[in-house]
PDB file of N, CA and C in Angstrom:
ATOM      1  N   MET A   1     -42.966  34.710  -2.562  1.00  0.00           N
ATOM      2  CA  MET A   1     -42.898  33.954  -1.361  1.00  0.00           C
ATOM      3  C   MET A   1     -41.479  33.420  -1.175  1.00  0.00           C
ATOM      4  N   ALA A   2     -41.043  33.389   0.017  1.00  0.00           N
ATOM      5  CA  ALA A   2     -39.689  32.931   0.308  1.00  0.00           C
ATOM      6  C   ALA A   2     -39.622  31.410   0.288  1.00  0.00           C
ATOM      7  N   ASN A   3     -38.500  30.902  -0.112  1.00  0.00           N
ATOM      8  CA  ASN A   3     -38.277  29.465  -0.132  1.00  0.00           C
ATOM      9  C   ASN A   3     -37.937  29.022   1.290  1.00  0.00           C
ATOM     10  N   THR A   4     -38.848  28.276   1.915  1.00  0.00           N
ATOM     11  CA  THR A   4     -38.641  27.897   3.309  1.00  0.00           C
ATOM     12  C   THR A   4     -38.221  26.451   3.479  1.00  0.00           C
ATOM     13  N   THR A   5     -38.044  25.721   2.377  1.00  0.00           N
ATOM     14  CA  THR A   5     -37.625  24.327   2.509  1.00  0.00           C
ATOM     15  C   THR A   5     -36.146  24.264   2.826  1.00  0.00           C
ATOM     16  N   ASN A   6     -35.780  23.296   3.605  1.00  0.00           N
ATOM     17  CA  ASN A   6     -34.389  23.107   3.990  1.00  0.00           C
ATOM     18  C   ASN A   6     -33.796  22.015   3.110  1.00  0.00           C
ATOM     19  N   ARG A   7     -33.070  22.406   2.074  1.00  0.00           N
ATOM     20  CA  ARG A   7     -32.534  21.438   1.109  1.00  0.00           C
ATOM     21  C   ARG A   7     -31.330  20.679   1.640  1.00  0.00           C
ATOM     22  N   GLY A   8     -30.470  21.346   2.336  1.00  0.00           N
ATOM     23  CA  GLY A   8     -29.269  20.701   2.806  1.00  0.00           C
ATOM     24  C   GLY A   8     -29.518  20.175   4.193  1.00  0.00           C
ATOM     25  N   GLY A   9     -29.148  19.615   5.007  1.00  0.00           N
ATOM     26  CA  GLY A   9     -29.565  19.206   6.325  1.00  0.00           C
ATOM     27  C   GLY A   9     -29.410  20.329   7.305  1.00  0.00           C
ATOM     28  N   SER A  10     -28.834  20.025   8.377  1.00  0.00           N
ATOM     29  CA  SER A  10     -28.630  20.992   9.436  1.00  0.00           C
ATOM     30  C   SER A  10     -27.540  21.988   9.055  1.00  0.00           C
ATOM     31  N   THR A  11     -27.695  23.211   9.526  1.00  0.00           N
ATOM     32  CA  THR A  11     -26.663  24.212   9.257  1.00  0.00           C
ATOM     33  C   THR A  11     -25.582  24.208  10.325  1.00  0.00           C
ATOM     34  N   THR A  12     -25.701  23.327  11.311  1.00  0.00           N
ATOM     35  CA  THR A  12     -24.708  23.283  12.384  1.00  0.00           C
ATOM     36  C   THR A  12     -23.320  22.962  11.835  1.00  0.00           C
ATOM     37  N   GLY A  13     -23.249  22.032  10.894  1.00  0.00           N
ATOM     38  CA  GLY A  13     -21.955  21.671  10.313  1.00  0.00           C
ATOM     39  C   GLY A  13     -21.320  22.819   9.564  1.00  0.00           C
ATOM     40  N   THR A  14     -22.117  23.562   8.809  1.00  0.00           N
ATOM     41  CA  THR A  14     -21.541  24.676   8.056  1.00  0.00           C
ATOM     42  C   THR A  14     -21.150  25.809   8.988  1.00  0.00           C
ATOM     43  N   ARG A  15     -21.936  26.024  10.016  1.00  0.00           N
ATOM     44  CA  ARG A  15     -21.566  27.075  10.981  1.00  0.00           C
ATOM     45  C   ARG A  15     -20.298  26.695  11.729  1.00  0.00           C
ATOM     46  N   LEU A  16     -20.192  25.423  12.098  1.00  0.00           N
ATOM     47  CA  LEU A  16     -18.994  24.954  12.787  1.00  0.00           C
ATOM     48  C   LEU A  16     -17.764  25.116  11.895  1.00  0.00           C
ATOM     49  N   ALA A  17     -17.903  24.805  10.605  1.00  0.00           N
ATOM     50  CA  ALA A  17     -16.784  24.956   9.678  1.00  0.00           C
ATOM     51  C   ALA A  17     -16.356  26.409   9.574  1.00  0.00           C
ATOM     52  N   GLY A  18     -17.305  27.313   9.581  1.00  0.00           N
ATOM     53  CA  GLY A  18     -16.970  28.734   9.535  1.00  0.00           C
ATOM     54  C   GLY A  18     -16.210  29.183  10.772  1.00  0.00           C
ATOM     55  N   TRP A  19     -16.677  28.753  11.937  1.00  0.00           N
ATOM     56  CA  TRP A  19     -16.008  29.147  13.174  1.00  0.00           C
ATOM     57  C   TRP A  19     -14.621  28.516  13.288  1.00  0.00           C
ATOM     58  N   VAL A  20     -14.474  27.297  12.823  1.00  0.00           N
ATOM     59  CA  VAL A  20     -13.151  26.669  12.829  1.00  0.00           C
ATOM     60  C   VAL A  20     -12.211  27.437  11.900  1.00  0.00           C
ATOM     61  N   GLY A  21     -12.735  27.904  10.778  1.00  0.00           N
ATOM     62  CA  GLY A  21     -11.927  28.716   9.867  1.00  0.00           C
ATOM     63  C   GLY A  21     -11.445  29.999  10.530  1.00  0.00           C
ATOM     64  N   TYR A  22     -12.362  30.676  11.239  1.00  0.00           N
ATOM     65  CA  TYR A  22     -11.968  31.893  11.951  1.00  0.00           C
ATOM     66  C   TYR A  22     -10.928  31.586  13.032  1.00  0.00           C
ATOM     67  N   ALA A  23     -11.106  30.469  13.729  1.00  0.00           N
ATOM     68  CA  ALA A  23     -10.146  30.088  14.773  1.00  0.00           C
ATOM     69  C   ALA A  23      -8.772  29.806  14.179  1.00  0.00           C
ATOM     70  N   CYS A  24      -8.734  29.174  12.999  1.00  0.00           N
ATOM     71  CA  CYS A  24      -7.448  28.905  12.348  1.00  0.00           C
ATOM     72  C   CYS A  24      -6.741  30.204  11.969  1.00  0.00           C
ATOM     73  N   VAL A  25      -7.491  31.150  11.433  1.00  0.00           N
ATOM     74  CA  VAL A  25      -6.883  32.435  11.063  1.00  0.00           C
ATOM     75  C   VAL A  25      -6.352  33.150  12.301  1.00  0.00           C
ATOM     76  N   LEU A  26      -7.127  33.152  13.379  1.00  0.00           N
ATOM     77  CA  LEU A  26      -6.664  33.803  14.609  1.00  0.00           C
ATOM     78  C   LEU A  26      -5.446  33.092  15.192  1.00  0.00           C
ATOM     79  N   ALA A  27      -5.417  31.764  15.133  1.00  0.00           N
ATOM     80  CA  ALA A  27      -4.249  31.022  15.611  1.00  0.00           C
ATOM     81  C   ALA A  27      -3.037  31.330  14.732  1.00  0.00           C
ATOM     82  N   GLY A  28      -3.261  31.518  13.436  1.00  0.00           N
ATOM     83  CA  GLY A  28      -2.163  31.888  12.538  1.00  0.00           C
ATOM     84  C   GLY A  28      -1.592  33.254  12.883  1.00  0.00           C
ATOM     85  N   ILE A  29      -2.471  34.192  13.238  1.00  0.00           N
ATOM     86  CA  ILE A  29      -1.999  35.527  13.637  1.00  0.00           C
ATOM     87  C   ILE A  29      -1.204  35.432  14.937  1.00  0.00           C
ATOM     88  N   ALA A  30      -1.668  34.617  15.872  1.00  0.00           N
ATOM     89  CA  ALA A  30      -0.922  34.419  17.120  1.00  0.00           C
ATOM     90  C   ALA A  30       0.427  33.757  16.833  1.00  0.00           C
ATOM     91  N   ALA A  31       0.451  32.831  15.873  1.00  0.00           N
ATOM     92  CA  ALA A  31       1.711  32.178  15.513  1.00  0.00           C
ATOM     93  C   ALA A  31       2.685  33.177  14.903  1.00  0.00           C
ATOM     94  N   ILE A  32       2.171  34.151  14.161  1.00  0.00           N
ATOM     95  CA  ILE A  32       3.050  35.196  13.610  1.00  0.00           C
ATOM     96  C   ILE A  32       3.709  35.978  14.737  1.00  0.00           C
ATOM     97  N   ALA A  33       2.949  36.271  15.789  1.00  0.00           N
ATOM     98  CA  ALA A  33       3.528  36.967  16.943  1.00  0.00           C
ATOM     99  C   ALA A  33       4.631  36.132  17.582  1.00  0.00           C
ATOM    100  N   LEU A  34       4.402  34.813  17.679  1.00  0.00           N
ATOM    101  CA  LEU A  34       5.425  33.941  18.241  1.00  0.00           C
ATOM    102  C   LEU A  34       6.646  33.843  17.328  1.00  0.00           C
ATOM    103  N   VAL A  35       6.425  33.868  16.016  1.00  0.00           N
ATOM    104  CA  VAL A  35       7.537  33.840  15.061  1.00  0.00           C
ATOM    105  C   VAL A  35       8.389  35.090  15.213  1.00  0.00           C
ATOM    106  N   LEU A  36       7.739  36.229  15.358  1.00  0.00           N
ATOM    107  CA  LEU A  36       8.500  37.473  15.529  1.00  0.00           C
ATOM    108  C   LEU A  36       9.288  37.465  16.837  1.00  0.00           C
ATOM    109  N   THR A  37       8.710  36.888  17.876  1.00  0.00           N
ATOM    110  CA  THR A  37       9.427  36.773  19.148  1.00  0.00           C
ATOM    111  C   THR A  37      10.628  35.839  19.009  1.00  0.00           C
ATOM    112  N   ALA A  38      10.434  34.710  18.329  1.00  0.00           N
ATOM    113  CA  ALA A  38      11.545  33.768  18.121  1.00  0.00           C
ATOM    114  C   ALA A  38      12.635  34.392  17.256  1.00  0.00           C
ATOM    115  N   ALA A  39      12.229  35.156  16.241  1.00  0.00           N
ATOM    116  CA  ALA A  39      13.226  35.803  15.379  1.00  0.00           C
ATOM    117  C   ALA A  39      14.023  36.844  16.160  1.00  0.00           C
ATOM    118  N   GLY A  40      13.340  37.558  17.041  1.00  0.00           N
ATOM    119  CA  GLY A  40      14.034  38.554  17.864  1.00  0.00           C
ATOM    120  C   GLY A  40      14.983  37.922  18.863  1.00  0.00           C
ATOM    121  N   GLY A  41      14.670  36.709  19.300  1.00  0.00           N
ATOM    122  CA  GLY A  41      15.527  36.018  20.261  1.00  0.00           C
ATOM    123  C   GLY A  41      16.665  35.250  19.626  1.00  0.00           C
ATOM    124  N   GLY A  42      16.688  35.178  18.299  1.00  0.00           N
ATOM    125  CA  GLY A  42      17.775  34.511  17.608  1.00  0.00           C
ATOM    126  C   GLY A  42      17.571  33.019  17.392  1.00  0.00           C
ATOM    127  N   PHE A  43      16.357  32.545  17.473  1.00  0.00           N
ATOM    128  CA  PHE A  43      16.064  31.126  17.268  1.00  0.00           C
ATOM    129  C   PHE A  43      15.654  30.901  15.809  1.00  0.00           C
ATOM    130  N   GLU A  44      16.637  30.687  14.944  1.00  0.00           N
ATOM    131  CA  GLU A  44      16.359  30.574  13.509  1.00  0.00           C
ATOM    132  C   GLU A  44      15.523  29.346  13.173  1.00  0.00           C
ATOM    133  N   GLY A  45      15.780  28.232  13.824  1.00  0.00           N
ATOM    134  CA  GLY A  45      15.044  26.999  13.561  1.00  0.00           C
ATOM    135  C   GLY A  45      13.566  27.140  13.909  1.00  0.00           C
ATOM    136  N   TRP A  46      13.298  27.694  15.098  1.00  0.00           N
ATOM    137  CA  TRP A  46      11.913  27.880  15.502  1.00  0.00           C
ATOM    138  C   TRP A  46      11.216  28.934  14.656  1.00  0.00           C
ATOM    139  N   THR A  47      11.983  29.885  14.157  1.00  0.00           N
ATOM    140  CA  THR A  47      11.392  30.887  13.268  1.00  0.00           C
ATOM    141  C   THR A  47      10.919  30.241  11.980  1.00  0.00           C
ATOM    142  N   ALA A  48      11.707  29.338  11.433  1.00  0.00           N
ATOM    143  CA  ALA A  48      11.321  28.657  10.196  1.00  0.00           C
ATOM    144  C   ALA A  48      10.106  27.755  10.422  1.00  0.00           C
ATOM    145  N   VAL A  49      10.120  27.009  11.512  1.00  0.00           N
ATOM    146  CA  VAL A  49       8.990  26.121  11.810  1.00  0.00           C
ATOM    147  C   VAL A  49       7.716  26.943  12.050  1.00  0.00           C
ATOM    148  N   GLY A  50       7.846  27.985  12.819  1.00  0.00           N
ATOM    149  CA  GLY A  50       6.694  28.833  13.115  1.00  0.00           C
ATOM    150  C   GLY A  50       6.131  29.520  11.884  1.00  0.00           C
ATOM    151  N   THR A  51       6.990  29.898  10.968  1.00  0.00           N
ATOM    152  CA  THR A  51       6.534  30.533   9.732  1.00  0.00           C
ATOM    153  C   THR A  51       5.699  29.562   8.908  1.00  0.00           C
ATOM    154  N   VAL A  52       6.158  28.331   8.793  1.00  0.00           N
ATOM    155  CA  VAL A  52       5.406  27.315   8.041  1.00  0.00           C
ATOM    156  C   VAL A  52       4.057  27.060   8.702  1.00  0.00           C
ATOM    157  N   VAL A  53       4.047  26.952  10.019  1.00  0.00           N
ATOM    158  CA  VAL A  53       2.799  26.700  10.746  1.00  0.00           C
ATOM    159  C   VAL A  53       1.843  27.884  10.601  1.00  0.00           C
ATOM    160  N   ALA A  54       2.352  29.099  10.730  1.00  0.00           N
ATOM    161  CA  ALA A  54       1.502  30.286  10.626  1.00  0.00           C
ATOM    162  C   ALA A  54       0.877  30.402   9.240  1.00  0.00           C
ATOM    163  N   VAL A  55       1.681  30.190   8.207  1.00  0.00           N
ATOM    164  CA  VAL A  55       1.157  30.275   6.844  1.00  0.00           C
ATOM    165  C   VAL A  55       0.117  29.179   6.605  1.00  0.00           C
ATOM    166  N   ALA A  56       0.396  27.971   7.083  1.00  0.00           N
ATOM    167  CA  ALA A  56      -0.557  26.868   6.897  1.00  0.00           C
ATOM    168  C   ALA A  56      -1.875  27.154   7.616  1.00  0.00           C
ATOM    169  N   LEU A  57      -1.815  27.660   8.833  1.00  0.00           N
ATOM    170  CA  LEU A  57      -3.034  27.971   9.574  1.00  0.00           C
ATOM    171  C   LEU A  57      -3.858  29.046   8.881  1.00  0.00           C
ATOM    172  N   ILE A  58      -3.208  30.081   8.404  1.00  0.00           N
ATOM    173  CA  ILE A  58      -3.933  31.165   7.746  1.00  0.00           C
ATOM    174  C   ILE A  58      -4.547  30.699   6.437  1.00  0.00           C
ATOM    175  N   VAL A  59      -3.800  29.922   5.656  1.00  0.00           N
ATOM    176  CA  VAL A  59      -4.331  29.447   4.375  1.00  0.00           C
ATOM    177  C   VAL A  59      -5.502  28.489   4.593  1.00  0.00           C
ATOM    178  N   VAL A  60      -5.355  27.536   5.512  1.00  0.00           N
ATOM    179  CA  VAL A  60      -6.439  26.583   5.770  1.00  0.00           C
ATOM    180  C   VAL A  60      -7.672  27.315   6.306  1.00  0.00           C
ATOM    181  N   GLY A  61      -7.468  28.254   7.207  1.00  0.00           N
ATOM    182  CA  GLY A  61      -8.596  29.017   7.739  1.00  0.00           C
ATOM    183  C   GLY A  61      -9.296  29.838   6.676  1.00  0.00           C
ATOM    184  N   ALA A  62      -8.533  30.498   5.819  1.00  0.00           N
ATOM    185  CA  ALA A  62      -9.135  31.304   4.754  1.00  0.00           C
ATOM    186  C   ALA A  62      -9.917  30.432   3.775  1.00  0.00           C
ATOM    187  N   VAL A  63      -9.378  29.273   3.444  1.00  0.00           N
ATOM    188  CA  VAL A  63     -10.085  28.365   2.527  1.00  0.00           C
ATOM    189  C   VAL A  63     -11.381  27.880   3.165  1.00  0.00           C
ATOM    190  N   MET A  64     -11.346  27.540   4.445  1.00  0.00           N
ATOM    191  CA  MET A  64     -12.558  27.085   5.119  1.00  0.00           C
ATOM    192  C   MET A  64     -13.619  28.179   5.165  1.00  0.00           C
ATOM    193  N   ILE A  65     -13.204  29.405   5.409  1.00  0.00           N
ATOM    194  CA  ILE A  65     -14.152  30.519   5.455  1.00  0.00           C
ATOM    195  C   ILE A  65     -14.771  30.749   4.084  1.00  0.00           C
ATOM    196  N   VAL A  66     -13.950  30.760   3.045  1.00  0.00           N
ATOM    197  CA  VAL A  66     -14.458  30.985   1.682  1.00  0.00           C
ATOM    198  C   VAL A  66     -15.405  29.868   1.268  1.00  0.00           C
ATOM    199  N   LEU A  67     -15.035  28.629   1.521  1.00  0.00           N
ATOM    200  CA  LEU A  67     -15.907  27.514   1.160  1.00  0.00           C
ATOM    201  C   LEU A  67     -17.212  27.546   1.954  1.00  0.00           C
ATOM    202  N   ASN A  68     -17.138  27.949   3.212  1.00  0.00           N
ATOM    203  CA  ASN A  68     -18.338  28.045   4.027  1.00  0.00           C
ATOM    204  C   ASN A  68     -19.283  29.114   3.484  1.00  0.00           C
ATOM    205  N   PHE A  69     -18.755  30.287   3.129  1.00  0.00           N
ATOM    206  CA  PHE A  69     -19.603  31.343   2.571  1.00  0.00           C
ATOM    207  C   PHE A  69     -20.219  30.904   1.261  1.00  0.00           C
ATOM    208  N   ARG A  70     -19.418  30.251   0.421  1.00  0.00           N
ATOM    209  CA  ARG A  70     -19.940  29.807  -0.877  1.00  0.00           C
ATOM    210  C   ARG A  70     -21.034  28.752  -0.700  1.00  0.00           C
ATOM    211  N   ARG A  71     -20.808  27.810   0.195  1.00  0.00           N
ATOM    212  CA  ARG A  71     -21.781  26.745   0.420  1.00  0.00           C
ATOM    213  C   ARG A  71     -23.089  27.300   0.983  1.00  0.00           C
ATOM    214  N   ARG A  72     -22.994  28.208   1.934  1.00  0.00           N
ATOM    215  CA  ARG A  72     -24.202  28.779   2.529  1.00  0.00           C
ATOM    216  C   ARG A  72     -24.928  29.667   1.542  1.00  0.00           C
ATOM    217  N   ARG A  73     -24.194  30.388   0.689  1.00  0.00           N
ATOM    218  CA  ARG A  73     -24.831  31.262  -0.283  1.00  0.00           C
ATOM    219  C   ARG A  73     -25.552  30.453  -1.344  1.00  0.00           C
ATOM    220  N   LEU A  74     -24.929  29.412  -1.857  1.00  0.00           N
ATOM    221  CA  LEU A  74     -25.534  28.619  -2.922  1.00  0.00           C
ATOM    222  C   LEU A  74     -26.606  27.678  -2.394  1.00  0.00           C
ATOM    223  N   GLY A  75     -26.418  27.131  -1.216  1.00  0.00           N
ATOM    224  CA  GLY A  75     -27.369  26.156  -0.698  1.00  0.00           C
ATOM    225  C   GLY A  75     -28.621  26.768  -0.107  1.00  0.00           C
ATOM    226  N   GLY A  76     -28.537  27.982   0.381  1.00  0.00           N
ATOM    227  CA  GLY A  76     -29.674  28.564   1.067  1.00  0.00           C
ATOM    228  C   GLY A  76     -30.789  29.045   0.168  1.00  0.00           C
ATOM    229  N   SER A  77     -30.468  29.549  -1.016  1.00  0.00           N
ATOM    230  CA  SER A  77     -31.499  30.174  -1.827  1.00  0.00           C
ATOM    231  C   SER A  77     -31.862  29.381  -3.067  1.00  0.00           C
ATOM    232  N   GLY A  78     -31.096  28.396  -3.421  1.00  0.00           N
ATOM    233  CA  GLY A  78     -31.362  27.669  -4.650  1.00  0.00           C
ATOM    234  C   GLY A  78     -30.849  28.390  -5.877  1.00  0.00           C
ATOM    235  N   GLY A  79     -30.084  29.437  -5.682  1.00  0.00           N
ATOM    236  CA  GLY A  79     -29.564  30.208  -6.804  1.00  0.00           C
ATOM    237  C   GLY A  79     -28.270  29.624  -7.337  1.00  0.00           C
ATOM    238  N   THR A  80     -27.684  30.317  -8.263  1.00  0.00           N
ATOM    239  CA  THR A  80     -26.389  29.906  -8.815  1.00  0.00           C
ATOM    240  C   THR A  80     -25.332  30.867  -8.301  1.00  0.00           C
ATOM    241  N   SER A  81     -24.105  30.673  -8.732  1.00  0.00           N
ATOM    242  CA  SER A  81     -23.028  31.527  -8.243  1.00  0.00           C
ATOM    243  C   SER A  81     -23.147  32.947  -8.787  1.00  0.00           C
ATOM    244  N   THR A  82     -23.862  33.157  -9.884  1.00  0.00           N
ATOM    245  CA  THR A  82     -23.967  34.494 -10.471  1.00  0.00           C
ATOM    246  C   THR A  82     -25.332  35.123 -10.236  1.00  0.00           C
ATOM    247  N   HIS A  83     -26.322  34.361  -9.800  1.00  0.00           N
ATOM    248  CA  HIS A  83     -27.654  34.918  -9.637  1.00  0.00           C
ATOM    249  C   HIS A  83     -28.381  34.223  -8.500  1.00  0.00           C
ATOM    250  N   GLU A  84     -28.910  35.009  -7.601  1.00  0.00           N
ATOM    251  CA  GLU A  84     -29.750  34.463  -6.544  1.00  0.00           C
ATOM    252  C   GLU A  84     -31.137  35.055  -6.722  1.00  0.00           C
ATOM    253  N   PRO A  85     -32.160  34.229  -6.779  1.00  0.00           N
ATOM    254  CA  PRO A  85     -33.509  34.749  -6.966  1.00  0.00           C
ATOM    255  C   PRO A  85     -33.907  35.717  -5.859  1.00  0.00           C
ATOM    256  N   GLY A  86     -34.487  36.813  -6.250  1.00  0.00           N
ATOM    257  CA  GLY A  86     -34.993  37.787  -5.286  1.00  0.00           C
ATOM    258  C   GLY A  86     -33.951  38.773  -4.797  1.00  0.00           C
ATOM    259  N   VAL A  87     -32.722  38.668  -5.251  1.00  0.00           N
ATOM    260  CA  VAL A  87     -31.667  39.580  -4.824  1.00  0.00           C
ATOM    261  C   VAL A  87     -31.279  40.445  -6.008  1.00  0.00           C
ATOM    262  N   LEU A  88     -31.278  41.761  -5.814  1.00  0.00           N
ATOM    263  CA  LEU A  88     -30.901  42.667  -6.906  1.00  0.00           C
ATOM    264  C   LEU A  88     -29.431  42.907  -6.918  1.00  0.00           C
TER     265      LEU A  88
END
């Protein structure tokens, strides 16, 4: 029988965190495009600032996505990080 109890509260918060993570990664990719445009135009200062922002957005987004997947995987089934009941 499947475990139908909801141990953690609402999943809205975890879903929102996942979507925010995806948005951060996409904004980081857009920032890379802007960095390349600034570098092509000869704006060294804006290139440096944009590079820092792009890297920060991608790293924060990736961390949020990974933490969201881990939280949903561990919280949903009652399993551990190496074994989930009922999954081969």
